[in-house]
Protein backbone atom coordinates (compact mmCIF):
# COMPACT_ATOMS: atom_id res chain seq x y z
CA MET A 1 -2.90 14.49 13.26
CA GLU A 2 -2.00 16.20 10.06
CA ASN A 3 -3.03 15.73 6.45
CA ILE A 4 -0.15 14.85 4.16
CA LEU A 5 -0.41 15.44 0.44
CA ILE A 6 1.01 12.45 -1.43
CA THR A 7 0.57 14.02 -4.87
CA ASP A 8 -1.34 16.81 -6.55
CA ARG A 9 -1.02 14.98 -9.90
CA LEU A 10 -3.00 11.81 -9.30
CA ASP A 11 -3.55 11.51 -13.05
CA LEU A 12 0.22 10.98 -13.52
CA PHE A 13 0.44 8.59 -10.55
CA ALA A 14 -2.42 6.50 -11.93
CA THR A 15 -0.65 6.28 -15.28
CA SER A 16 2.70 5.28 -13.75
CA ILE A 17 1.14 2.95 -11.14
CA PRO A 18 -1.73 1.12 -12.87
CA CYS A 19 -4.36 -0.77 -10.86
CA GLY A 20 -2.86 -3.84 -9.22
CA ASN A 21 0.62 -2.30 -8.96
CA MET A 22 2.67 -0.49 -6.34
CA ARG A 23 5.72 1.71 -5.86
CA GLY A 24 8.01 2.54 -2.97
CA LEU A 25 8.22 6.08 -1.65
CA SER A 26 9.55 8.07 1.31
CA ILE A 27 7.42 10.35 3.46
CA ASN A 28 9.04 12.28 6.30
CA ALA A 29 12.13 10.00 6.09
CA GLN A 30 10.02 6.82 6.44
CA ARG A 31 9.81 4.14 3.73
CA TYR A 32 6.39 3.04 2.50
CA VAL A 33 4.80 1.27 -0.43
CA LEU A 34 2.02 3.04 -2.31
CA VAL A 35 -0.48 0.44 -3.54
CA HIS A 36 -3.01 1.02 -6.32
CA SER A 37 -5.47 -1.82 -5.79
CA LYS A 38 -7.27 -3.68 -8.54
CA ASN A 39 -10.50 -1.92 -7.52
CA ASP A 40 -8.86 1.51 -8.12
CA ARG A 41 -8.32 2.40 -4.45
CA TRP A 42 -5.07 3.72 -3.01
CA TYR A 43 -3.33 2.41 0.12
CA LEU A 44 -0.12 3.12 1.96
CA VAL A 45 1.68 0.25 3.74
CA LYS A 46 4.93 -0.03 5.66
CA GLU A 47 7.77 -1.13 3.41
CA GLU A 48 8.62 -4.34 5.31
CA CYS A 49 6.61 -7.50 5.87
CA PRO A 50 5.75 -7.90 9.58
CA HIS A 51 6.55 -11.60 9.33
CA SER A 52 9.89 -11.72 7.56
CA GLY A 53 11.06 -8.16 6.93
CA ALA A 54 10.93 -8.71 3.16
CA LYS A 55 10.49 -5.64 0.97
CA LEU A 56 6.81 -5.66 0.05
CA GLN A 57 7.33 -3.57 -3.06
CA ALA A 58 8.57 -6.77 -4.72
CA GLY A 59 5.28 -8.51 -3.87
CA ALA A 60 1.99 -8.58 -5.73
CA VAL A 61 -1.64 -7.53 -5.32
CA ASN A 62 -4.07 -10.42 -5.77
CA ASP A 63 -7.74 -10.49 -6.79
CA GLN A 64 -8.85 -10.62 -3.14
CA HIS A 65 -7.35 -7.13 -2.56
CA GLU A 66 -4.43 -8.54 -0.60
CA LEU A 67 -0.76 -7.64 -0.76
CA VAL A 68 1.24 -10.85 -1.11
CA CYS A 69 4.74 -10.92 0.39
CA PRO A 70 7.42 -12.01 -2.09
CA MET A 71 9.31 -14.13 0.47
CA HIS A 72 6.74 -16.56 1.96
CA ALA A 73 3.55 -15.58 0.09
CA TYR A 74 1.78 -14.33 3.22
CA ALA A 75 -1.27 -12.38 2.04
CA PHE A 76 -2.26 -9.19 3.89
CA SER A 77 -5.67 -7.53 3.50
CA LEU A 78 -5.44 -4.01 2.12
CA HIS A 79 -8.58 -3.20 4.13
CA ASP A 80 -7.33 -4.01 7.63
CA GLY A 81 -3.78 -5.41 7.31
CA ARG A 82 -4.64 -8.88 8.61
CA GLU A 83 -2.74 -11.84 7.24
CA ALA A 84 -5.22 -14.19 5.53
CA ARG A 85 -4.47 -17.18 7.77
CA GLY A 86 -3.53 -15.29 10.95
CA ARG A 87 0.09 -16.48 10.89
CA CYS A 88 1.73 -13.21 11.96
CA ALA A 89 1.20 -9.65 13.14
CA ASP A 90 -0.97 -7.35 11.04
CA LEU A 91 0.53 -5.18 8.32
CA TRP A 92 0.33 -1.44 8.93
CA VAL A 93 -1.97 -0.11 6.22
CA VAL A 94 -4.01 3.05 5.64
CA LYS A 95 -6.50 3.83 2.94
CA LEU A 96 -5.70 7.11 1.22
CA TRP A 97 -8.34 9.46 -0.06
CA VAL A 98 -8.75 11.30 -3.32
CA SER A 99 -9.82 14.92 -3.62
CA GLY A 100 -9.96 16.12 -7.20
CA ASN A 101 -6.52 15.35 -8.65
CA GLU A 102 -4.90 15.03 -5.19
CA LEU A 103 -4.07 11.97 -3.10
CA TRP A 104 -4.04 12.46 0.71
CA TRP A 105 -3.05 10.64 3.90
CA LYS A 106 -4.11 11.58 7.41
CA ASP A 107 -1.09 10.87 9.65
């Protein structure tokens, strides 16, 4: 497993991706969505919904710290990836960690 630096300018990321928002990005030729939760935590999720294949970047983050799919409104926990009502496979999600002004992922 390796540590992957997402950014060394977290201050700029936090300004461009306020709490409750997200943005798509590529890491090692894979597409992900970087989520800045409403409780100021950072998560990385796979770009596509495990239920429908919809692009999750077009979804929303709710007050229960779930990522809501834009197609069928399935809600996935940012903590463990489970869909709120157990209707489909879990969403791949990892919590990122902050070190100073850096944002990291352990692959």
